Amino acid sequence: MQLVVGRIGRAHGIKGEVTVEVRTDEPEQRLGPGAVLATEPASTGPLTIETGRVHSGRLLLRFEGVRDRTGAEALRNVLLIAEIDPAELPEDPEEFYDHQLMDLDVVLADGTEIGRITEISHLPSQDLFIVERPDGSEVMIPFVEEIVTEIDLEEQRAVIDPPPGLIDDGPPAGDEAADDRAAADGDDG
């Protein structure tokens, strides 16, 4: 099975290094020297990592055969793809690969169905589940411990405890204008 583990960014310097947006929780395992990665578009690869280092908080890689800035710039926005055994699990039991989470049913603690995970969006601050609801609409659920309380791979479900307003369409809790309207409607004074 193939897993996207990074996206190549800008060239860095003049010797063929590139910045990499890491999309794996195990960069030392997936993006180390000697790793051979498929690419999207496929015509760009495969690419073999020659060297890697962290500079100012960003991962910099150099690939075999890429020796200058022009070659590095030609790789910009290419996705890096690792071949992974589908049975392989992350070392940390609280971590999951995207393929494990795709198509999980999303439910509340009481079993109320919310929808099904159709996409996982990796943002700098947190990951988001894109959940398709039974009516075809979508809702975004932050993949944080406070909201996603349980991932049960055997039952193929994610249990959530959403804050008010995240999945329901009513006014958010603390909506003073709605509270004022309700008070005015009931005041015969």
Protein backbone atom coordinates (compact mmCIF):
# COMPACT_ATOMS: atom_id res chain seq x y z
CA MET A 1 0.00 0.00 0.00
CA GLN A 2 1.22 3.50 -0.79
CA LEU A 3 1.24 6.35 1.73
CA VAL A 4 2.07 10.01 1.08
CA VAL A 5 4.86 10.91 3.50
CA GLY A 6 5.82 14.38 2.29
CA ARG A 7 5.53 17.16 -0.26
CA ILE A 8 8.58 18.85 -1.73
CA GLY A 9 8.71 22.59 -1.21
CA ARG A 10 11.19 25.27 -2.29
CA ALA A 11 14.79 24.72 -3.23
CA HIS A 12 17.22 25.55 -0.41
CA GLY A 13 20.59 26.92 -1.37
CA ILE A 14 22.44 26.07 -4.58
CA LYS A 15 23.48 22.44 -4.02
CA GLY A 16 20.18 20.68 -4.74
CA GLU A 17 18.54 20.58 -1.31
CA VAL A 18 14.77 21.02 -0.98
CA THR A 19 12.46 21.81 1.90
CA VAL A 20 9.92 19.09 2.66
CA GLU A 21 6.47 19.39 4.19
CA VAL A 22 6.41 16.24 6.32
CA ARG A 23 3.17 14.22 6.21
CA THR A 24 4.17 11.31 8.41
CA ASP A 25 4.55 10.91 12.16
CA GLU A 26 7.66 8.80 11.53
CA PRO A 27 9.93 10.96 9.33
CA GLU A 28 13.10 9.30 10.62
CA GLN A 29 11.78 5.94 9.39
CA ARG A 30 10.22 7.08 6.09
CA LEU A 31 12.48 9.97 5.03
CA GLY A 32 15.95 8.80 6.01
CA PRO A 33 19.02 8.50 3.76
CA GLY A 34 18.73 5.56 1.39
CA ALA A 35 14.91 5.57 1.31
CA VAL A 36 13.51 5.11 -2.19
CA LEU A 37 10.22 6.93 -2.69
CA ALA A 38 7.67 6.85 -5.46
CA THR A 39 6.35 10.23 -6.57
CA GLU A 40 3.21 11.95 -7.78
CA PRO A 41 3.54 12.74 -10.62
CA ALA A 42 5.09 9.31 -11.20
CA SER A 43 7.27 10.60 -14.05
CA THR A 44 9.41 12.51 -11.50
CA GLY A 45 10.52 9.46 -9.58
CA PRO A 46 11.42 7.26 -8.02
CA LEU A 47 13.64 9.44 -5.84
CA THR A 48 16.35 8.12 -3.51
CA ILE A 49 17.18 10.25 -0.47
CA GLU A 50 20.90 10.97 -0.32
CA THR A 51 21.03 13.25 2.74
CA GLY A 52 18.65 14.82 5.20
CA ARG A 53 18.92 17.41 7.94
CA VAL A 54 16.80 19.81 9.94
CA HIS A 55 17.48 23.52 9.45
CA SER A 56 15.46 26.20 11.30
CA GLY A 57 12.76 23.66 12.10
CA ARG A 58 12.33 22.49 8.46
CA LEU A 59 13.40 19.18 6.99
CA LEU A 60 15.85 19.55 4.12
CA LEU A 61 16.51 16.63 1.79
CA ARG A 62 18.86 16.08 -1.13
CA PHE A 63 18.06 13.35 -3.65
CA GLU A 64 20.55 11.31 -5.64
CA GLY A 65 21.19 12.93 -9.02
CA VAL A 66 19.93 16.40 -7.97
CA ARG A 67 23.02 18.59 -7.66
CA ASP A 68 21.86 22.18 -8.21
CA ARG A 69 19.09 24.66 -7.51
CA THR A 70 17.53 24.20 -10.97
CA GLY A 71 17.11 20.46 -10.40
CA ALA A 72 15.72 21.09 -6.92
CA GLU A 73 13.22 23.70 -8.18
CA ALA A 74 11.96 21.20 -10.78
CA LEU A 75 10.81 18.96 -7.89
CA ARG A 76 8.63 21.61 -6.23
CA ASN A 77 5.15 20.35 -5.17
CA VAL A 78 6.00 16.70 -5.95
CA LEU A 79 4.42 14.29 -3.46
CA LEU A 80 6.71 11.68 -1.86
CA ILE A 81 5.13 8.24 -1.50
CA ALA A 82 6.38 5.32 0.60
CA GLU A 83 5.36 1.70 0.12
CA ILE A 84 3.92 0.40 3.40
CA ASP A 85 2.71 -3.00 4.53
CA PRO A 86 -1.05 -2.51 5.18
CA ALA A 87 -0.78 -4.60 8.36
CA GLU A 88 1.93 -2.32 9.75
CA LEU A 89 0.83 -0.13 12.66
CA PRO A 90 2.49 2.93 14.18
CA GLU A 91 4.58 2.24 17.29
CA ASP A 92 2.41 4.52 19.45
CA PRO A 93 -1.06 3.00 20.04
CA GLU A 94 -2.54 6.53 20.02
CA GLU A 95 -1.34 7.17 16.45
CA PHE A 96 -3.01 6.04 13.24
CA TYR A 97 -2.23 5.97 9.56
CA ASP A 98 -4.70 7.77 7.30
CA HIS A 99 -5.71 4.51 5.61
CA GLN A 100 -6.81 3.12 9.00
CA LEU A 101 -9.13 6.09 9.60
CA MET A 102 -10.68 6.40 6.14
CA ASP A 103 -14.30 5.22 5.95
CA LEU A 104 -14.70 4.89 9.74
CA ASP A 105 -18.22 5.61 10.97
CA VAL A 106 -18.34 8.72 13.17
CA VAL A 107 -20.76 8.46 16.09
CA LEU A 108 -21.57 10.24 19.34
CA ALA A 109 -20.99 8.40 22.64
CA ASP A 110 -24.69 7.43 22.69
CA GLY A 111 -24.35 5.81 19.24
CA THR A 112 -25.99 8.61 17.24
CA GLU A 113 -24.64 8.42 13.69
CA ILE A 114 -22.87 11.56 12.44
CA GLY A 115 -21.39 10.25 9.18
CA ARG A 116 -18.34 8.62 7.62
CA ILE A 117 -14.75 9.87 7.31
CA THR A 118 -14.08 10.55 3.63
CA GLU A 119 -10.89 12.59 3.89
CA ILE A 120 -8.23 13.61 6.39
CA SER A 121 -6.82 17.10 6.03
CA HIS A 122 -3.39 17.71 7.56
CA LEU A 123 -3.10 21.33 8.68
CA PRO A 124 -0.17 22.92 10.50
CA SER A 125 -2.09 23.26 13.78
CA GLN A 126 -4.06 19.97 13.73
CA ASP A 127 -5.57 17.30 11.53
CA LEU A 128 -9.22 17.43 10.47
CA PHE A 129 -11.60 14.62 9.63
CA ILE A 130 -13.82 15.51 6.67
CA VAL A 131 -17.03 13.65 7.49
CA GLU A 132 -19.81 13.04 4.99
CA ARG A 133 -23.19 13.14 6.72
CA PRO A 134 -26.10 10.89 5.69
CA ASP A 135 -27.74 13.85 3.87
CA GLY A 136 -24.60 14.32 1.73
CA SER A 137 -23.36 17.46 3.51
CA GLU A 138 -19.90 17.58 5.05
CA VAL A 139 -18.69 18.55 8.50
CA MET A 140 -15.10 19.06 9.64
CA ILE A 141 -14.11 17.47 12.94
CA PRO A 142 -10.77 18.43 14.52
CA PHE A 143 -8.80 15.27 15.29
CA VAL A 144 -7.94 16.27 18.85
CA GLU A 145 -8.24 14.20 22.02
CA GLU A 146 -10.90 16.49 23.54
CA ILE A 147 -13.28 15.88 20.61
CA VAL A 148 -12.35 12.46 19.19
CA THR A 149 -12.59 10.40 22.36
CA GLU A 150 -12.11 6.93 20.87
CA ILE A 151 -10.91 5.24 17.69
CA ASP A 152 -12.14 1.64 17.55
CA LEU A 153 -10.60 -0.04 14.51
CA GLU A 154 -12.27 -3.39 15.24
CA GLU A 155 -15.73 -1.77 15.25
CA GLN A 156 -14.68 0.60 12.42
CA ARG A 157 -15.83 3.73 14.26
CA ALA A 158 -14.65 7.00 15.71
CA VAL A 159 -16.50 8.23 18.80
CA ILE A 160 -16.72 11.99 19.21
CA ASP A 161 -17.81 14.41 21.93
CA PRO A 162 -18.24 17.64 19.94
CA PRO A 163 -18.59 21.06 21.52
CA PRO A 164 -21.90 22.88 20.91
CA GLY A 165 -22.17 24.20 17.37
CA LEU A 166 -19.61 21.88 15.77
CA ILE A 167 -22.08 19.46 14.21
CA ASP A 168 -25.53 20.85 15.00
CA ASP A 169 -27.14 23.65 13.06
CA GLY A 170 -28.73 25.48 16.00
CA PRO A 171 -27.29 28.67 17.51
CA PRO A 172 -24.06 28.10 19.40
CA ALA A 173 -24.23 27.96 23.17
CA GLY A 174 -23.92 31.42 24.67
CA ASP A 175 -25.65 33.14 21.74
CA GLU A 176 -26.90 36.16 23.68
CA ALA A 177 -29.03 37.47 20.80
CA ALA A 178 -30.95 34.17 20.70
CA ASP A 179 -31.29 34.25 24.50
CA ASP A 180 -32.61 37.84 24.33
CA ARG A 181 -35.11 36.91 21.58
CA ALA A 182 -36.36 33.96 23.61
CA ALA A 183 -36.78 36.14 26.70
CA ALA A 184 -38.64 38.82 24.69
CA ASP A 185 -41.00 36.23 23.19
CA GLY A 186 -41.93 34.90 26.59
CA ASP A 187 -42.23 38.31 28.32
CA ASP A 188 -45.85 39.49 28.53
CA GLY A 189 -44.86 42.26 30.91
